[in-house]
Amino acid sequence: MGQGCRYCTTWADGINPFLPHLESEFAVALLSKDSPDTQRLFSNARGWRFRMASHGGGEYIQEQGVVPGAGDMPGIVCYVRDGDQILKRNSAVFGPGDLFCSIWHILSLAGLGEPDWTPQYAYWRRPRQLDDGGLHILD
């Protein structure tokens, strides 16, 4: 789940407010292929409070990802400690309309679904004419 995917960003944005509740029961970390510097800049810009880790596209994500062998696929993986062993307990793929991202259910109330809406990094649209004349706008 990294900066290159608007859908992944939507899931992380949605989980972020629940972080204190989740961390009362277990550790939470967001894992992506992005470098630690890229992760830090992106998470700070979005206000995320997750612990971050980079798999760098290596063997870990192939072996321990949401679907073993599938690579960098969005989702959640839960591990448990059993003595000295850490075991994979459950995993689930994240995708439009799933139960892990409430925005899809809210959009569905208005009759909108995956074909009708794509998440964006930001939603501000520059008006055709700005009241202040539009000087010094950074795109």
Protein backbone atom coordinates (compact mmCIF):
# COMPACT_ATOMS: atom_id res chain seq x y z
CA MET A 1 0.00 0.00 0.00
CA GLY A 2 1.97 2.94 -1.22
CA GLN A 3 1.75 6.36 -2.76
CA GLY A 4 1.37 4.95 -6.26
CA CYS A 5 -2.17 3.67 -5.65
CA ARG A 6 -5.15 5.96 -5.02
CA TYR A 7 -7.22 3.00 -3.83
CA CYS A 8 -4.60 1.96 -1.26
CA THR A 9 -4.45 5.56 -0.09
CA THR A 10 -8.23 5.53 0.43
CA TRP A 11 -8.01 2.41 2.62
CA ALA A 12 -5.18 3.87 4.69
CA ASP A 13 -7.08 7.17 5.04
CA GLY A 14 -10.09 5.20 6.31
CA ILE A 15 -8.16 3.04 8.79
CA ASN A 16 -6.11 5.94 10.19
CA PRO A 17 -8.90 7.30 12.47
CA PHE A 18 -9.37 3.82 13.96
CA LEU A 19 -5.66 3.42 14.73
CA PRO A 20 -5.88 4.12 18.49
CA HIS A 21 -8.70 1.57 18.82
CA LEU A 22 -6.83 -1.06 16.80
CA GLU A 23 -3.56 -0.47 18.64
CA SER A 24 -5.30 -1.10 21.95
CA GLU A 25 -5.41 -4.75 20.82
CA PHE A 26 -2.44 -5.26 18.47
CA ALA A 27 0.41 -3.56 16.60
CA VAL A 28 -0.43 -1.97 13.24
CA ALA A 29 2.04 -1.22 10.45
CA LEU A 30 1.52 -0.05 6.89
CA LEU A 31 3.82 -1.86 4.48
CA SER A 32 4.64 -0.68 0.96
CA LYS A 33 7.33 -0.98 -1.67
CA ASP A 34 8.10 2.74 -1.34
CA SER A 35 11.40 3.81 0.18
CA PRO A 36 11.27 4.94 3.84
CA ASP A 37 11.86 8.57 2.77
CA THR A 38 8.98 8.44 0.28
CA GLN A 39 6.75 6.76 2.87
CA ARG A 40 7.55 9.43 5.46
CA LEU A 41 6.79 12.33 3.09
CA PHE A 42 3.55 10.79 1.86
CA SER A 43 2.27 9.69 5.28
CA ASN A 44 3.07 13.10 6.79
CA ALA A 45 1.22 14.86 3.97
CA ARG A 46 -1.87 12.69 4.61
CA GLY A 47 -1.68 12.87 8.42
CA TRP A 48 -1.22 9.12 8.84
CA ARG A 49 -0.04 7.87 12.21
CA PHE A 50 0.85 4.33 11.13
CA ARG A 51 4.15 2.67 11.76
CA MET A 52 5.61 2.33 8.28
CA ALA A 53 7.82 -0.37 6.78
CA SER A 54 9.20 -0.89 3.29
CA HIS A 55 9.41 -4.32 1.69
CA GLY A 56 11.17 -2.80 -1.32
CA GLY A 57 9.54 -5.31 -3.67
CA GLY A 58 11.69 -8.14 -2.32
CA GLU A 59 11.09 -11.71 -1.17
CA TYR A 60 9.08 -10.76 1.92
CA ILE A 61 6.07 -9.54 -0.06
CA GLN A 62 6.16 -12.63 -2.29
CA GLU A 63 6.12 -14.96 0.73
CA GLN A 64 4.07 -13.02 3.28
CA GLY A 65 1.73 -10.85 1.24
CA VAL A 66 -2.05 -10.97 1.26
CA VAL A 67 -1.99 -13.74 -1.35
CA PRO A 68 1.30 -15.69 -1.23
CA GLY A 69 3.13 -15.38 -4.55
CA ALA A 70 0.88 -12.57 -5.81
CA GLY A 71 3.28 -9.76 -4.94
CA ASP A 72 2.30 -6.25 -3.91
CA MET A 73 -1.47 -6.63 -3.54
CA PRO A 74 -3.51 -4.35 -1.23
CA GLY A 75 -4.94 -5.95 1.85
CA ILE A 76 -4.42 -6.86 5.47
CA VAL A 77 -2.39 -9.66 7.00
CA CYS A 78 -2.69 -10.60 10.68
CA TYR A 79 -0.01 -12.49 12.57
CA VAL A 80 -0.02 -14.02 16.06
CA ARG A 81 2.84 -14.93 18.35
CA ASP A 82 2.92 -18.49 19.65
CA GLY A 83 5.88 -18.73 21.99
CA ASP A 84 8.95 -17.99 19.87
CA GLN A 85 7.07 -18.37 16.59
CA ILE A 86 5.15 -15.75 14.62
CA LEU A 87 2.39 -17.32 12.56
CA LYS A 88 0.19 -15.91 9.83
CA ARG A 89 -3.36 -16.07 11.17
CA ASN A 90 -5.59 -14.38 8.58
CA SER A 91 -5.46 -12.20 5.51
CA ALA A 92 -7.93 -10.39 3.29
CA VAL A 93 -7.61 -8.59 -0.03
CA PHE A 94 -8.72 -4.96 -0.18
CA GLY A 95 -10.79 -4.03 -3.21
CA PRO A 96 -13.61 -1.69 -4.21
CA GLY A 97 -16.82 -2.49 -2.35
CA ASP A 98 -15.18 -4.58 0.37
CA LEU A 99 -16.15 -4.41 4.04
CA PHE A 100 -12.90 -2.69 5.07
CA CYS A 101 -13.50 0.68 3.41
CA SER A 102 -16.71 2.37 4.48
CA ILE A 103 -16.71 4.96 1.70
CA TRP A 104 -17.99 2.35 -0.77
CA HIS A 105 -21.06 1.72 1.36
CA ILE A 106 -21.73 5.42 1.75
CA LEU A 107 -21.36 5.97 -2.01
CA SER A 108 -23.72 3.05 -2.66
CA LEU A 109 -26.48 4.94 -0.82
CA ALA A 110 -26.32 7.47 -3.67
CA GLY A 111 -26.28 4.71 -6.28
CA LEU A 112 -22.55 5.04 -6.96
CA GLY A 113 -20.22 2.07 -7.30
CA GLU A 114 -16.77 1.18 -8.60
CA PRO A 115 -17.48 2.15 -12.24
CA ASP A 116 -18.80 5.55 -11.12
CA TRP A 117 -16.11 6.76 -8.72
CA THR A 118 -12.33 6.64 -8.46
CA PRO A 119 -10.54 7.97 -5.39
CA GLN A 120 -8.23 10.96 -5.89
CA TYR A 121 -5.30 12.25 -3.85
CA ALA A 122 -6.98 15.65 -3.61
CA TYR A 123 -10.34 17.00 -4.76
CA TRP A 124 -9.88 20.73 -5.12
CA ARG A 125 -10.51 21.88 -8.67
CA ARG A 126 -9.26 25.19 -9.88
CA PRO A 127 -12.19 27.45 -10.80
CA ARG A 128 -12.21 28.95 -14.30
CA GLN A 129 -11.82 32.39 -12.75
CA LEU A 130 -10.35 33.16 -9.34
CA ASP A 131 -11.58 36.10 -7.30
CA ASP A 132 -7.99 37.11 -6.49
CA GLY A 133 -6.86 37.04 -10.13
CA GLY A 134 -5.09 33.68 -9.83
CA LEU A 135 -1.53 34.87 -9.31
CA HIS A 136 1.05 32.55 -7.73
CA ILE A 137 -0.95 29.30 -8.00
CA LEU A 138 1.18 26.18 -7.78
CA ASP A 139 -0.19 23.25 -9.75
